[in-house]
Amino acid sequence: MLTLVPNMAANKMEGIRLSRLRTGSIIYNYGAREGDIILRVNGHKIDSMEKGYKLWENLRKENYVEVEILRDNKIVTIAFDIVK
């Protein structure tokens, strides 16, 4: 089961690290990989777990999602439309 872990740097949360991500899961199929750090969702910085969960809940209202990820010290952007 996917686990979301706070990514800490200099005693501050800087994104959420993906752990235990299964190959073939929906988030994997959209391009996320084990160890990715989600930094922003639709331009909103994730600097607390509360903020991350709130952003996740609000995605139901969105038609388009853009996720900024740190992977291997490089920024990767994954964007997709949400079909309702």
C-alpha atoms as a PDB file:
ATOM      1  CA  MET A   1       0.000   0.000   0.000  1.00  0.00           C
ATOM      2  CA  LEU A   2       1.264   3.473  -0.910  1.00  0.00           C
ATOM      3  CA  THR A   3       2.750   5.389   2.000  1.00  0.00           C
ATOM      4  CA  LEU A   4       3.199   9.175   2.051  1.00  0.00           C
ATOM      5  CA  VAL A   5       6.150  10.302   4.171  1.00  0.00           C
ATOM      6  CA  PRO A   6       7.066  13.905   4.994  1.00  0.00           C
ATOM      7  CA  ASN A   7      10.316  14.850   3.275  1.00  0.00           C
ATOM      8  CA  MET A   8      12.342  16.845   5.797  1.00  0.00           C
ATOM      9  CA  ALA A   9      15.223  19.207   4.961  1.00  0.00           C
ATOM     10  CA  ALA A  10      16.820  21.512   7.560  1.00  0.00           C
ATOM     11  CA  ASN A  11      14.008  20.666  10.019  1.00  0.00           C
ATOM     12  CA  LYS A  12      11.354  21.850   7.545  1.00  0.00           C
ATOM     13  CA  MET A  13       8.973  19.794   5.496  1.00  0.00           C
ATOM     14  CA  GLU A  14       9.678  20.078   1.784  1.00  0.00           C
ATOM     15  CA  GLY A  15       7.198  17.870   0.007  1.00  0.00           C
ATOM     16  CA  ILE A  16       5.886  14.366   0.447  1.00  0.00           C
ATOM     17  CA  ARG A  17       7.961  11.302  -0.440  1.00  0.00           C
ATOM     18  CA  LEU A  18       6.218   8.350  -2.097  1.00  0.00           C
ATOM     19  CA  SER A  19       7.050   5.046  -0.473  1.00  0.00           C
ATOM     20  CA  ARG A  20       5.818   1.518  -1.140  1.00  0.00           C
ATOM     21  CA  LEU A  21       4.479   2.516  -4.553  1.00  0.00           C
ATOM     22  CA  ARG A  22       3.271  -0.516  -6.487  1.00  0.00           C
ATOM     23  CA  THR A  23       4.015  -0.995 -10.163  1.00  0.00           C
ATOM     24  CA  GLY A  24       0.729  -0.838 -12.043  1.00  0.00           C
ATOM     25  CA  SER A  25      -1.091   1.297  -9.464  1.00  0.00           C
ATOM     26  CA  ILE A  26      -3.023   4.281 -10.805  1.00  0.00           C
ATOM     27  CA  ILE A  27      -0.461   6.793  -9.517  1.00  0.00           C
ATOM     28  CA  TYR A  28       2.349   4.697 -11.040  1.00  0.00           C
ATOM     29  CA  ASN A  29       0.514   4.612 -14.365  1.00  0.00           C
ATOM     30  CA  TYR A  30       0.334   8.432 -14.318  1.00  0.00           C
ATOM     31  CA  GLY A  31       4.130   8.562 -14.032  1.00  0.00           C
ATOM     32  CA  ALA A  32       4.980   8.631 -10.312  1.00  0.00           C
ATOM     33  CA  ARG A  33       7.838   6.432  -9.099  1.00  0.00           C
ATOM     34  CA  GLU A  34       9.038   5.032  -5.770  1.00  0.00           C
ATOM     35  CA  GLY A  35      11.014   7.684  -3.879  1.00  0.00           C
ATOM     36  CA  ASP A  36       9.574  10.639  -5.812  1.00  0.00           C
ATOM     37  CA  ILE A  37       9.047  13.750  -3.705  1.00  0.00           C
ATOM     38  CA  ILE A  38       5.869  15.665  -4.529  1.00  0.00           C
ATOM     39  CA  LEU A  39       6.756  19.357  -4.123  1.00  0.00           C
ATOM     40  CA  ARG A  40       3.722  21.136  -5.596  1.00  0.00           C
ATOM     41  CA  VAL A  41       0.233  20.308  -6.821  1.00  0.00           C
ATOM     42  CA  ASN A  42      -1.387  22.811  -9.192  1.00  0.00           C
ATOM     43  CA  GLY A  43       1.169  25.385  -8.096  1.00  0.00           C
ATOM     44  CA  HIS A  44       0.543  24.921  -4.364  1.00  0.00           C
ATOM     45  CA  LYS A  45       3.655  24.131  -2.336  1.00  0.00           C
ATOM     46  CA  ILE A  46       3.360  21.159   0.020  1.00  0.00           C
ATOM     47  CA  ASP A  47       5.069  22.147   3.260  1.00  0.00           C
ATOM     48  CA  SER A  48       2.868  20.306   5.764  1.00  0.00           C
ATOM     49  CA  MET A  49       1.011  16.994   5.804  1.00  0.00           C
ATOM     50  CA  GLU A  50      -2.214  18.869   6.520  1.00  0.00           C
ATOM     51  CA  LYS A  51      -1.733  20.977   3.395  1.00  0.00           C
ATOM     52  CA  GLY A  52      -0.932  17.856   1.370  1.00  0.00           C
ATOM     53  CA  TYR A  53      -4.092  16.074   2.496  1.00  0.00           C
ATOM     54  CA  LYS A  54      -6.194  19.177   1.861  1.00  0.00           C
ATOM     55  CA  LEU A  55      -4.803  19.476  -1.676  1.00  0.00           C
ATOM     56  CA  TRP A  56      -5.528  15.775  -2.238  1.00  0.00           C
ATOM     57  CA  GLU A  57      -9.152  16.223  -1.119  1.00  0.00           C
ATOM     58  CA  ASN A  58      -9.603  19.288  -3.347  1.00  0.00           C
ATOM     59  CA  LEU A  59      -8.463  17.402  -6.455  1.00  0.00           C
ATOM     60  CA  ARG A  60     -11.989  16.018  -6.782  1.00  0.00           C
ATOM     61  CA  LYS A  61     -13.090  19.501  -7.866  1.00  0.00           C
ATOM     62  CA  GLU A  62     -10.324  19.916 -10.459  1.00  0.00           C
ATOM     63  CA  ASN A  63     -10.388  19.109 -14.170  1.00  0.00           C
ATOM     64  CA  TYR A  64      -6.621  19.361 -14.621  1.00  0.00           C
ATOM     65  CA  VAL A  65      -3.767  18.382 -12.316  1.00  0.00           C
ATOM     66  CA  GLU A  66      -0.124  19.373 -12.546  1.00  0.00           C
ATOM     67  CA  VAL A  67       2.290  17.772 -10.082  1.00  0.00           C
ATOM     68  CA  GLU A  68       5.870  18.975  -9.593  1.00  0.00           C
ATOM     69  CA  ILE A  69       8.104  16.127  -8.458  1.00  0.00           C
ATOM     70  CA  LEU A  70      11.721  15.926  -7.378  1.00  0.00           C
ATOM     71  CA  ARG A  71      13.257  12.754  -8.822  1.00  0.00           C
ATOM     72  CA  ASP A  72      17.000  12.045  -8.802  1.00  0.00           C
ATOM     73  CA  ASN A  73      17.691  15.719  -7.985  1.00  0.00           C
ATOM     74  CA  LYS A  74      15.743  16.878 -11.051  1.00  0.00           C
ATOM     75  CA  ILE A  75      12.314  18.488 -11.278  1.00  0.00           C
ATOM     76  CA  VAL A  76       9.787  16.441 -13.225  1.00  0.00           C
ATOM     77  CA  THR A  77       6.307  17.703 -14.037  1.00  0.00           C
ATOM     78  CA  ILE A  78       3.424  15.307 -14.519  1.00  0.00           C
ATOM     79  CA  ALA A  79       0.200  16.794 -15.860  1.00  0.00           C
ATOM     80  CA  PHE A  80      -3.088  15.162 -16.721  1.00  0.00           C
ATOM     81  CA  ASP A  81      -6.782  15.844 -17.211  1.00  0.00           C
ATOM     82  CA  ILE A  82      -9.298  14.394 -14.809  1.00  0.00           C
ATOM     83  CA  VAL A  83     -12.190  12.761 -16.610  1.00  0.00           C
ATOM     84  CA  LYS A  84     -15.469  13.012 -14.742  1.00  0.00           C
END
